[in-house]
Amino acid sequence: FGTSFRYNQEALPLVLERLPATFELAAASMLIAIIIAIPMGIFSAQKRNSFVDLFITGGSVLGKAMPSFWLGIMLILMLAVNYQIFPVSGRGTWAHLVLPAITL
């Protein structure tokens, strides 16, 4: 990978050092997506062409169209700054993982 411009070190050990956090975030976001998407898809399929189906389909299209950087900022503003439910940044507990996982 060469040399990191920021740390002036070999880049590969820096990437490998951060890889567990990347896998943790990917697993948490996939778990949240599966927990939400599968029941909503089944429910939407059962209520085909109803208001519920339209609402779920519209919500999923809106979710895909929404820029993730904007959603992340809005989640931080609402849930971390205004209501102080989750921490703004950091790593360590499950609370630090919720906002980034929802954003992804």
PDB file of N, CA and C in Angstrom:
ATOM      1  N   PHE A   1       0.811  -1.204   0.000  1.00  0.00           N
ATOM      2  CA  PHE A   1       0.000   0.000   0.000  1.00  0.00           C
ATOM      3  C   PHE A   1       0.850   1.262   0.000  1.00  0.00           C
ATOM      4  N   GLY A   2       2.107   1.134   0.252  1.00  0.00           N
ATOM      5  CA  GLY A   2       2.969   2.310   0.251  1.00  0.00           C
ATOM      6  C   GLY A   2       3.045   2.962   1.617  1.00  0.00           C
ATOM      7  N   THR A   3       3.359   4.236   1.603  1.00  0.00           N
ATOM      8  CA  THR A   3       3.533   5.002   2.830  1.00  0.00           C
ATOM      9  C   THR A   3       2.360   5.959   3.020  1.00  0.00           C
ATOM     10  N   SER A   4       1.874   6.049   4.246  1.00  0.00           N
ATOM     11  CA  SER A   4       0.792   6.971   4.569  1.00  0.00           C
ATOM     12  C   SER A   4       1.336   8.393   4.615  1.00  0.00           C
ATOM     13  N   PHE A   5       0.649   9.293   3.922  1.00  0.00           N
ATOM     14  CA  PHE A   5       1.062  10.694   3.945  1.00  0.00           C
ATOM     15  C   PHE A   5       0.809  11.330   5.311  1.00  0.00           C
ATOM     16  N   ARG A   6      -0.266  10.922   5.954  1.00  0.00           N
ATOM     17  CA  ARG A   6      -0.632  11.531   7.232  1.00  0.00           C
ATOM     18  C   ARG A   6       0.255  11.060   8.385  1.00  0.00           C
ATOM     19  N   TYR A   7       0.489   9.754   8.473  1.00  0.00           N
ATOM     20  CA  TYR A   7       1.229   9.204   9.603  1.00  0.00           C
ATOM     21  C   TYR A   7       2.698   8.944   9.298  1.00  0.00           C
ATOM     22  N   ASN A   8       3.067   9.034   8.031  1.00  0.00           N
ATOM     23  CA  ASN A   8       4.441   8.809   7.597  1.00  0.00           C
ATOM     24  C   ASN A   8       4.942   7.423   8.030  1.00  0.00           C
ATOM     25  N   GLN A   9       4.073   6.435   7.868  1.00  0.00           N
ATOM     26  CA  GLN A   9       4.364   5.040   8.186  1.00  0.00           C
ATOM     27  C   GLN A   9       3.878   4.182   7.032  1.00  0.00           C
ATOM     28  N   GLU A  10       4.194   2.891   7.105  1.00  0.00           N
ATOM     29  CA  GLU A  10       3.650   1.962   6.133  1.00  0.00           C
ATOM     30  C   GLU A  10       2.124   1.931   6.279  1.00  0.00           C
ATOM     31  N   ALA A  11       1.420   1.934   5.168  1.00  0.00           N
ATOM     32  CA  ALA A  11      -0.039   2.033   5.207  1.00  0.00           C
ATOM     33  C   ALA A  11      -0.719   0.706   5.551  1.00  0.00           C
ATOM     34  N   LEU A  12      -0.158  -0.418   5.141  1.00  0.00           N
ATOM     35  CA  LEU A  12      -0.807  -1.707   5.375  1.00  0.00           C
ATOM     36  C   LEU A  12      -1.040  -2.008   6.852  1.00  0.00           C
ATOM     37  N   PRO A  13      -0.055  -1.816   7.743  1.00  0.00           N
ATOM     38  CA  PRO A  13      -0.358  -2.055   9.168  1.00  0.00           C
ATOM     39  C   PRO A  13      -1.435  -1.119   9.714  1.00  0.00           C
ATOM     40  N   LEU A  14      -1.504   0.100   9.201  1.00  0.00           N
ATOM     41  CA  LEU A  14      -2.548   1.022   9.641  1.00  0.00           C
ATOM     42  C   LEU A  14      -3.932   0.541   9.201  1.00  0.00           C
ATOM     43  N   VAL A  15      -4.018   0.025   7.988  1.00  0.00           N
ATOM     44  CA  VAL A  15      -5.287  -0.501   7.495  1.00  0.00           C
ATOM     45  C   VAL A  15      -5.684  -1.746   8.286  1.00  0.00           C
ATOM     46  N   LEU A  16      -4.755  -2.648   8.508  1.00  0.00           N
ATOM     47  CA  LEU A  16      -5.048  -3.873   9.245  1.00  0.00           C
ATOM     48  C   LEU A  16      -5.434  -3.597  10.695  1.00  0.00           C
ATOM     49  N   GLU A  17      -4.882  -2.530  11.260  1.00  0.00           N
ATOM     50  CA  GLU A  17      -5.219  -2.152  12.636  1.00  0.00           C
ATOM     51  C   GLU A  17      -6.675  -1.705  12.746  1.00  0.00           C
ATOM     52  N   ARG A  18      -7.192  -1.085  11.703  1.00  0.00           N
ATOM     53  CA  ARG A  18      -8.560  -0.575  11.718  1.00  0.00           C
ATOM     54  C   ARG A  18      -9.579  -1.544  11.130  1.00  0.00           C
ATOM     55  N   LEU A  19      -9.150  -2.658  10.628  1.00  0.00           N
ATOM     56  CA  LEU A  19     -10.036  -3.630  10.001  1.00  0.00           C
ATOM     57  C   LEU A  19     -11.080  -4.220  10.951  1.00  0.00           C
ATOM     58  N   PRO A  20     -10.769  -4.531  12.207  1.00  0.00           N
ATOM     59  CA  PRO A  20     -11.820  -5.052  13.101  1.00  0.00           C
ATOM     60  C   PRO A  20     -12.976  -4.078  13.302  1.00  0.00           C
ATOM     61  N   ALA A  21     -12.676  -2.792  13.389  1.00  0.00           N
ATOM     62  CA  ALA A  21     -13.750  -1.804  13.542  1.00  0.00           C
ATOM     63  C   ALA A  21     -14.621  -1.758  12.299  1.00  0.00           C
ATOM     64  N   THR A  22     -14.023  -1.916  11.134  1.00  0.00           N
ATOM     65  CA  THR A  22     -14.773  -1.928   9.881  1.00  0.00           C
ATOM     66  C   THR A  22     -15.698  -3.134   9.818  1.00  0.00           C
ATOM     67  N   PHE A  23     -15.197  -4.303  10.189  1.00  0.00           N
ATOM     68  CA  PHE A  23     -16.027  -5.504  10.192  1.00  0.00           C
ATOM     69  C   PHE A  23     -17.147  -5.406  11.228  1.00  0.00           C
ATOM     70  N   GLU A  24     -16.855  -4.816  12.370  1.00  0.00           N
ATOM     71  CA  GLU A  24     -17.866  -4.648  13.410  1.00  0.00           C
ATOM     72  C   GLU A  24     -19.004  -3.751  12.919  1.00  0.00           C
ATOM     73  N   LEU A  25     -18.652  -2.644  12.283  1.00  0.00           N
ATOM     74  CA  LEU A  25     -19.660  -1.732  11.766  1.00  0.00           C
ATOM     75  C   LEU A  25     -20.450  -2.368  10.629  1.00  0.00           C
ATOM     76  N   ALA A  26     -19.782  -3.092   9.744  1.00  0.00           N
ATOM     77  CA  ALA A  26     -20.476  -3.761   8.640  1.00  0.00           C
ATOM     78  C   ALA A  26     -21.453  -4.809   9.163  1.00  0.00           C
ATOM     79  N   ALA A  27     -21.045  -5.582  10.158  1.00  0.00           N
ATOM     80  CA  ALA A  27     -21.923  -6.605  10.724  1.00  0.00           C
ATOM     81  C   ALA A  27     -23.125  -5.978  11.425  1.00  0.00           C
ATOM     82  N   ALA A  28     -22.897  -4.906  12.165  1.00  0.00           N
ATOM     83  CA  ALA A  28     -24.002  -4.244  12.867  1.00  0.00           C
ATOM     84  C   ALA A  28     -24.990  -3.633  11.880  1.00  0.00           C
ATOM     85  N   SER A  29     -24.493  -3.016  10.820  1.00  0.00           N
ATOM     86  CA  SER A  29     -25.406  -2.415   9.847  1.00  0.00           C
ATOM     87  C   SER A  29     -26.176  -3.483   9.078  1.00  0.00           C
ATOM     88  N   MET A  30     -25.531  -4.608   8.764  1.00  0.00           N
ATOM     89  CA  MET A  30     -26.245  -5.696   8.090  1.00  0.00           C
ATOM     90  C   MET A  30     -27.307  -6.305   9.003  1.00  0.00           C
ATOM     91  N   LEU A  31     -26.996  -6.438  10.284  1.00  0.00           N
ATOM     92  CA  LEU A  31     -27.968  -6.974  11.234  1.00  0.00           C
ATOM     93  C   LEU A  31     -29.185  -6.066  11.333  1.00  0.00           C
ATOM     94  N   ILE A  32     -28.958  -4.769  11.432  1.00  0.00           N
ATOM     95  CA  ILE A  32     -30.074  -3.811  11.491  1.00  0.00           C
ATOM     96  C   ILE A  32     -30.882  -3.863  10.206  1.00  0.00           C
ATOM     97  N   ALA A  33     -30.196  -3.922   9.064  1.00  0.00           N
ATOM     98  CA  ALA A  33     -30.901  -3.972   7.781  1.00  0.00           C
ATOM     99  C   ALA A  33     -31.745  -5.230   7.659  1.00  0.00           C
ATOM    100  N   ILE A  34     -31.219  -6.361   8.099  1.00  0.00           N
ATOM    101  CA  ILE A  34     -31.964  -7.617   8.015  1.00  0.00           C
ATOM    102  C   ILE A  34     -33.150  -7.610   8.969  1.00  0.00           C
ATOM    103  N   ILE A  35     -32.946  -7.100  10.181  1.00  0.00           N
ATOM    104  CA  ILE A  35     -34.030  -7.058  11.168  1.00  0.00           C
ATOM    105  C   ILE A  35     -35.167  -6.170  10.696  1.00  0.00           C
ATOM    106  N   ILE A  36     -34.854  -5.096   9.995  1.00  0.00           N
ATOM    107  CA  ILE A  36     -35.894  -4.189   9.513  1.00  0.00           C
ATOM    108  C   ILE A  36     -36.447  -4.646   8.166  1.00  0.00           C
ATOM    109  N   ALA A  37     -35.594  -5.008   7.236  1.00  0.00           N
ATOM    110  CA  ALA A  37     -36.013  -5.227   5.851  1.00  0.00           C
ATOM    111  C   ALA A  37     -36.853  -6.485   5.666  1.00  0.00           C
ATOM    112  N   ILE A  38     -36.479  -7.579   6.262  1.00  0.00           N
ATOM    113  CA  ILE A  38     -37.215  -8.829   6.024  1.00  0.00           C
ATOM    114  C   ILE A  38     -38.651  -8.764   6.567  1.00  0.00           C
ATOM    115  N   PRO A  39     -38.878  -8.346   7.808  1.00  0.00           N
ATOM    116  CA  PRO A  39     -40.272  -8.248   8.260  1.00  0.00           C
ATOM    117  C   PRO A  39     -41.084  -7.213   7.479  1.00  0.00           C
ATOM    118  N   MET A  40     -40.468  -6.088   7.125  1.00  0.00           N
ATOM    119  CA  MET A  40     -41.203  -5.077   6.356  1.00  0.00           C
ATOM    120  C   MET A  40     -41.534  -5.593   4.961  1.00  0.00           C
ATOM    121  N   GLY A  41     -40.624  -6.317   4.329  1.00  0.00           N
ATOM    122  CA  GLY A  41     -40.894  -6.888   3.017  1.00  0.00           C
ATOM    123  C   GLY A  41     -41.998  -7.924   3.059  1.00  0.00           C
ATOM    124  N   ILE A  42     -41.987  -8.769   4.069  1.00  0.00           N
ATOM    125  CA  ILE A  42     -43.045  -9.776   4.213  1.00  0.00           C
ATOM    126  C   ILE A  42     -44.390  -9.110   4.464  1.00  0.00           C
ATOM    127  N   PHE A  43     -44.400  -8.122   5.339  1.00  0.00           N
ATOM    128  CA  PHE A  43     -45.643  -7.412   5.656  1.00  0.00           C
ATOM    129  C   PHE A  43     -46.169  -6.666   4.431  1.00  0.00           C
ATOM    130  N   SER A  44     -45.260  -6.048   3.680  1.00  0.00           N
ATOM    131  CA  SER A  44     -45.655  -5.343   2.468  1.00  0.00           C
ATOM    132  C   SER A  44     -46.203  -6.300   1.413  1.00  0.00           C
ATOM    133  N   ALA A  45     -45.613  -7.490   1.316  1.00  0.00           N
ATOM    134  CA  ALA A  45     -46.098  -8.476   0.345  1.00  0.00           C
ATOM    135  C   ALA A  45     -47.469  -9.021   0.739  1.00  0.00           C
ATOM    136  N   GLN A  46     -47.713  -9.139   2.032  1.00  0.00           N
ATOM    137  CA  GLN A  46     -49.014  -9.631   2.486  1.00  0.00           C
ATOM    138  C   GLN A  46     -50.115  -8.609   2.241  1.00  0.00           C
ATOM    139  N   LYS A  47     -49.786  -7.333   2.326  1.00  0.00           N
ATOM    140  CA  LYS A  47     -50.763  -6.249   2.158  1.00  0.00           C
ATOM    141  C   LYS A  47     -50.583  -5.567   0.804  1.00  0.00           C
ATOM    142  N   ARG A  48     -50.387  -6.338  -0.243  1.00  0.00           N
ATOM    143  CA  ARG A  48     -50.068  -5.810  -1.561  1.00  0.00           C
ATOM    144  C   ARG A  48     -51.133  -4.834  -2.053  1.00  0.00           C
ATOM    145  N   ASN A  49     -50.662  -3.726  -2.655  1.00  0.00           N
ATOM    146  CA  ASN A  49     -51.501  -2.669  -3.236  1.00  0.00           C
ATOM    147  C   ASN A  49     -52.388  -1.966  -2.212  1.00  0.00           C
ATOM    148  N   SER A  50     -51.990  -1.978  -0.950  1.00  0.00           N
ATOM    149  CA  SER A  50     -52.729  -1.249   0.079  1.00  0.00           C
ATOM    150  C   SER A  50     -51.938  -0.005   0.476  1.00  0.00           C
ATOM    151  N   PHE A  51     -52.516   0.772   1.374  1.00  0.00           N
ATOM    152  CA  PHE A  51     -51.820   1.964   1.864  1.00  0.00           C
ATOM    153  C   PHE A  51     -50.539   1.580   2.604  1.00  0.00           C
ATOM    154  N   VAL A  52     -50.581   0.479   3.332  1.00  0.00           N
ATOM    155  CA  VAL A  52     -49.401   0.017   4.073  1.00  0.00           C
ATOM    156  C   VAL A  52     -48.275  -0.328   3.108  1.00  0.00           C
ATOM    157  N   ASP A  53     -48.608  -1.031   2.017  1.00  0.00           N
ATOM    158  CA  ASP A  53     -47.620  -1.379   1.005  1.00  0.00           C
ATOM    159  C   ASP A  53     -47.035  -0.115   0.372  1.00  0.00           C
ATOM    160  N   LEU A  54     -47.887   0.837   0.056  1.00  0.00           N
ATOM    161  CA  LEU A  54     -47.423   2.097  -0.520  1.00  0.00           C
ATOM    162  C   LEU A  54     -46.512   2.847   0.444  1.00  0.00           C
ATOM    163  N   PHE A  55     -46.859   2.850   1.712  1.00  0.00           N
ATOM    164  CA  PHE A  55     -46.058   3.536   2.731  1.00  0.00           C
ATOM    165  C   PHE A  55     -44.689   2.876   2.898  1.00  0.00           C
ATOM    166  N   ILE A  56     -44.660   1.552   2.973  1.00  0.00           N
ATOM    167  CA  ILE A  56     -43.394   0.837   3.135  1.00  0.00           C
ATOM    168  C   ILE A  56     -42.525   0.981   1.897  1.00  0.00           C
ATOM    169  N   THR A  57     -43.130   0.850   0.710  1.00  0.00           N
ATOM    170  CA  THR A  57     -42.369   0.996  -0.532  1.00  0.00           C
ATOM    171  C   THR A  57     -41.831   2.417  -0.675  1.00  0.00           C
ATOM    172  N   GLY A  58     -42.666   3.398  -0.380  1.00  0.00           N
ATOM    173  CA  GLY A  58     -42.211   4.793  -0.437  1.00  0.00           C
ATOM    174  C   GLY A  58     -41.102   5.084   0.556  1.00  0.00           C
ATOM    175  N   GLY A  59     -41.209   4.502   1.754  1.00  0.00           N
ATOM    176  CA  GLY A  59     -40.159   4.686   2.756  1.00  0.00           C
ATOM    177  C   GLY A  59     -38.846   4.059   2.351  1.00  0.00           C
ATOM    178  N   SER A  60     -38.902   2.905   1.712  1.00  0.00           N
ATOM    179  CA  SER A  60     -37.659   2.271   1.276  1.00  0.00           C
ATOM    180  C   SER A  60     -37.035   3.007   0.098  1.00  0.00           C
ATOM    181  N   VAL A  61     -37.850   3.528  -0.808  1.00  0.00           N
ATOM    182  CA  VAL A  61     -37.311   4.331  -1.913  1.00  0.00           C
ATOM    183  C   VAL A  61     -36.702   5.614  -1.374  1.00  0.00           C
ATOM    184  N   LEU A  62     -37.372   6.248  -0.436  1.00  0.00           N
ATOM    185  CA  LEU A  62     -36.831   7.460   0.187  1.00  0.00           C
ATOM    186  C   LEU A  62     -35.534   7.168   0.928  1.00  0.00           C
ATOM    187  N   GLY A  63     -35.473   6.022   1.594  1.00  0.00           N
ATOM    188  CA  GLY A  63     -34.255   5.649   2.305  1.00  0.00           C
ATOM    189  C   GLY A  63     -33.077   5.415   1.374  1.00  0.00           C
ATOM    190  N   LYS A  64     -33.329   4.831   0.221  1.00  0.00           N
ATOM    191  CA  LYS A  64     -32.249   4.611  -0.751  1.00  0.00           C
ATOM    192  C   LYS A  64     -31.830   5.908  -1.430  1.00  0.00           C
ATOM    193  N   ALA A  65     -32.771   6.840  -1.608  1.00  0.00           N
ATOM    194  CA  ALA A  65     -32.469   8.085  -2.299  1.00  0.00           C
ATOM    195  C   ALA A  65     -31.797   9.112  -1.393  1.00  0.00           C
ATOM    196  N   MET A  66     -31.951   8.965  -0.083  1.00  0.00           N
ATOM    197  CA  MET A  66     -31.398   9.929   0.859  1.00  0.00           C
ATOM    198  C   MET A  66     -29.879   9.771   0.957  1.00  0.00           C
ATOM    199  N   PRO A  67     -29.131  10.865   0.820  1.00  0.00           N
ATOM    200  CA  PRO A  67     -27.673  10.758   0.958  1.00  0.00           C
ATOM    201  C   PRO A  67     -27.286  10.332   2.376  1.00  0.00           C
ATOM    202  N   SER A  68     -26.398   9.370   2.467  1.00  0.00           N
ATOM    203  CA  SER A  68     -26.031   8.837   3.782  1.00  0.00           C
ATOM    204  C   SER A  68     -25.296   9.859   4.633  1.00  0.00           C
ATOM    205  N   PHE A  69     -24.516  10.752   3.999  1.00  0.00           N
ATOM    206  CA  PHE A  69     -23.819  11.758   4.807  1.00  0.00           C
ATOM    207  C   PHE A  69     -24.817  12.717   5.449  1.00  0.00           C
ATOM    208  N   TRP A  70     -25.903  13.031   4.758  1.00  0.00           N
ATOM    209  CA  TRP A  70     -26.918  13.925   5.314  1.00  0.00           C
ATOM    210  C   TRP A  70     -27.677  13.224   6.444  1.00  0.00           C
ATOM    211  N   LEU A  71     -28.038  11.951   6.226  1.00  0.00           N
ATOM    212  CA  LEU A  71     -28.738  11.191   7.265  1.00  0.00           C
ATOM    213  C   LEU A  71     -27.877  11.080   8.520  1.00  0.00           C
ATOM    214  N   GLY A  72     -26.572  10.825   8.344  1.00  0.00           N
ATOM    215  CA  GLY A  72     -25.676  10.726   9.496  1.00  0.00           C
ATOM    216  C   GLY A  72     -25.614  12.017  10.292  1.00  0.00           C
ATOM    217  N   ILE A  73     -25.530  13.123   9.585  1.00  0.00           N
ATOM    218  CA  ILE A  73     -25.486  14.422  10.267  1.00  0.00           C
ATOM    219  C   ILE A  73     -26.791  14.689  11.008  1.00  0.00           C
ATOM    220  N   MET A  74     -27.920  14.370  10.384  1.00  0.00           N
ATOM    221  CA  MET A  74     -29.221  14.594  11.025  1.00  0.00           C
ATOM    222  C   MET A  74     -29.397  13.690  12.248  1.00  0.00           C
ATOM    223  N   LEU A  75     -28.943  12.442  12.156  1.00  0.00           N
ATOM    224  CA  LEU A  75     -29.018  11.556  13.316  1.00  0.00           C
ATOM    225  C   LEU A  75     -28.154  12.061  14.464  1.00  0.00           C
ATOM    226  N   ILE A  76     -26.972  12.556  14.143  1.00  0.00           N
ATOM    227  CA  ILE A  76     -26.106  13.116  15.184  1.00  0.00           C
ATOM    228  C   ILE A  76     -26.757  14.328  15.820  1.00  0.00           C
ATOM    229  N   LEU A  77     -27.296  15.221  14.989  1.00  0.00           N
ATOM    230  CA  LEU A  77     -27.937  16.424  15.531  1.00  0.00           C
ATOM    231  C   LEU A  77     -29.118  16.081  16.433  1.00  0.00           C
ATOM    232  N   MET A  78     -29.975  15.180  15.964  1.00  0.00           N
ATOM    233  CA  MET A  78     -31.186  14.891  16.723  1.00  0.00           C
ATOM    234  C   MET A  78     -30.924  13.997  17.941  1.00  0.00           C
ATOM    235  N   LEU A  79     -30.248  12.878  17.742  1.00  0.00           N
ATOM    236  CA  LEU A  79     -30.142  11.876  18.802  1.00  0.00           C
ATOM    237  C   LEU A  79     -28.917  12.025  19.697  1.00  0.00           C
ATOM    238  N   ALA A  80     -27.895  12.733  19.221  1.00  0.00           N
ATOM    239  CA  ALA A  80     -26.686  12.869  20.045  1.00  0.00           C
ATOM    240  C   ALA A  80     -26.546  14.270  20.623  1.00  0.00           C
ATOM    241  N   VAL A  81     -26.863  15.281  19.835  1.00  0.00           N
ATOM    242  CA  VAL A  81     -26.677  16.649  20.321  1.00  0.00           C
ATOM    243  C   VAL A  81     -27.918  17.143  21.059  1.00  0.00           C
ATOM    244  N   ASN A  82     -29.079  17.076  20.402  1.00  0.00           N
ATOM    245  CA  ASN A  82     -30.295  17.625  21.008  1.00  0.00           C
ATOM    246  C   ASN A  82     -30.806  16.780  22.174  1.00  0.00           C
ATOM    247  N   TYR A  83     -30.969  15.469  21.970  1.00  0.00           N
ATOM    248  CA  TYR A  83     -31.560  14.617  23.001  1.00  0.00           C
ATOM    249  C   TYR A  83     -30.534  13.856  23.832  1.00  0.00           C
ATOM    250  N   GLN A  84     -29.288  13.837  23.419  1.00  0.00           N
ATOM    251  CA  GLN A  84     -28.181  13.194  24.128  1.00  0.00           C
ATOM    252  C   GLN A  84     -28.484  11.736  24.488  1.00  0.00           C
ATOM    253  N   ILE A  85     -29.052  11.012  23.531  1.00  0.00           N
ATOM    254  CA  ILE A  85     -29.349   9.599  23.729  1.00  0.00           C
ATOM    255  C   ILE A  85     -28.114   8.753  23.438  1.00  0.00           C
ATOM    256  N   PHE A  86     -27.390   9.095  22.363  1.00  0.00           N
ATOM    257  CA  PHE A  86     -26.204   8.364  21.943  1.00  0.00           C
ATOM    258  C   PHE A  86     -24.993   9.279  21.966  1.00  0.00           C
ATOM    259  N   PRO A  87     -23.791   8.720  22.080  1.00  0.00           N
ATOM    260  CA  PRO A  87     -22.575   9.552  22.022  1.00  0.00           C
ATOM    261  C   PRO A  87     -22.350  10.083  20.607  1.00  0.00           C
ATOM    262  N   VAL A  88     -21.709  11.232  20.536  1.00  0.00           N
ATOM    263  CA  VAL A  88     -21.463  11.885  19.247  1.00  0.00           C
ATOM    264  C   VAL A  88     -20.413  11.133  18.443  1.00  0.00           C
ATOM    265  N   SER A  89     -19.376  10.649  19.092  1.00  0.00           N
ATOM    266  CA  SER A  89     -18.311   9.941  18.378  1.00  0.00           C
ATOM    267  C   SER A  89     -17.657   8.956  19.330  1.00  0.00           C
ATOM    268  N   GLY A  90     -16.698   8.208  18.795  1.00  0.00           N
ATOM    269  CA  GLY A  90     -15.944   7.275  19.617  1.00  0.00           C
ATOM    270  C   GLY A  90     -16.221   5.840  19.237  1.00  0.00           C
ATOM    271  N   ARG A  91     -15.602   4.941  20.002  1.00  0.00           N
ATOM    272  CA  ARG A  91     -15.762   3.508  19.776  1.00  0.00           C
ATOM    273  C   ARG A  91     -15.591   2.801  21.106  1.00  0.00           C
ATOM    274  N   GLY A  92     -16.331   1.737  21.306  1.00  0.00           N
ATOM    275  CA  GLY A  92     -16.147   0.973  22.530  1.00  0.00           C
ATOM    276  C   GLY A  92     -17.393   0.239  22.958  1.00  0.00           C
ATOM    277  N   THR A  93     -18.519   0.932  23.083  1.00  0.00           N
ATOM    278  CA  THR A  93     -19.747   0.279  23.531  1.00  0.00           C
ATOM    279  C   THR A  93     -20.721   0.172  22.366  1.00  0.00           C
ATOM    280  N   TRP A  94     -21.834  -0.522  22.595  1.00  0.00           N
ATOM    281  CA  TRP A  94     -22.853  -0.661  21.560  1.00  0.00           C
ATOM    282  C   TRP A  94     -23.464   0.689  21.217  1.00  0.00           C
ATOM    283  N   ALA A  95     -23.504   1.611  22.188  1.00  0.00           N
ATOM    284  CA  ALA A  95     -24.106   2.928  21.941  1.00  0.00           C
ATOM    285  C   ALA A  95     -23.316   3.714  20.898  1.00  0.00           C
ATOM    286  N   HIS A  96     -22.011   3.496  20.843  1.00  0.00           N
ATOM    287  CA  HIS A  96     -21.191   4.168  19.840  1.00  0.00           C
ATOM    288  C   HIS A  96     -21.439   3.622  18.434  1.00  0.00           C
ATOM    289  N   LEU A  97     -22.017   2.454  18.355  1.00  0.00           N
ATOM    290  CA  LEU A  97     -22.185   1.770  17.074  1.00  0.00           C
ATOM    291  C   LEU A  97     -23.557   2.018  16.441  1.00  0.00           C
ATOM    292  N   VAL A  98     -24.526   2.462  17.230  1.00  0.00           N
ATOM    293  CA  VAL A  98     -25.911   2.564  16.757  1.00  0.00           C
ATOM    294  C   VAL A  98     -26.060   3.576  15.631  1.00  0.00           C
ATOM    295  N   LEU A  99     -25.631   4.810  15.813  1.00  0.00           N
ATOM    296  CA  LEU A  99     -25.820   5.834  14.789  1.00  0.00           C
ATOM    297  C   LEU A  99     -25.095   5.522  13.478  1.00  0.00           C
ATOM    298  N   PRO A 100     -23.829   5.106  13.498  1.00  0.00           N
ATOM    299  CA  PRO A 100     -23.213   4.753  12.219  1.00  0.00           C
ATOM    300  C   PRO A 100     -23.869   3.555  11.538  1.00  0.00           C
ATOM    301  N   ALA A 101     -24.306   2.590  12.316  1.00  0.00           N
ATOM    302  CA  ALA A 101     -24.941   1.402  11.726  1.00  0.00           C
ATOM    303  C   ALA A 101     -26.286   1.760  11.099  1.00  0.00           C
ATOM    304  N   ILE A 102     -27.052   2.617  11.746  1.00  0.00           N
ATOM    305  CA  ILE A 102     -28.328   3.061  11.175  1.00  0.00           C
ATOM    306  C   ILE A 102     -28.073   3.875   9.908  1.00  0.00           C
ATOM    307  N   THR A 103     -27.068   4.691   9.932  1.00  0.00           N
ATOM    308  CA  THR A 103     -26.740   5.499   8.754  1.00  0.00           C
ATOM    309  C   THR A 103     -26.386   4.611   7.562  1.00  0.00           C
ATOM    310  N   LEU A 104     -25.622   3.554   7.787  1.00  0.00           N
ATOM    311  CA  LEU A 104     -25.279   2.657   6.683  1.00  0.00           C
ATOM    312  C   LEU A 104     -26.460   1.834   6.237  1.00  0.00           C
TER     313      LEU A 104
END
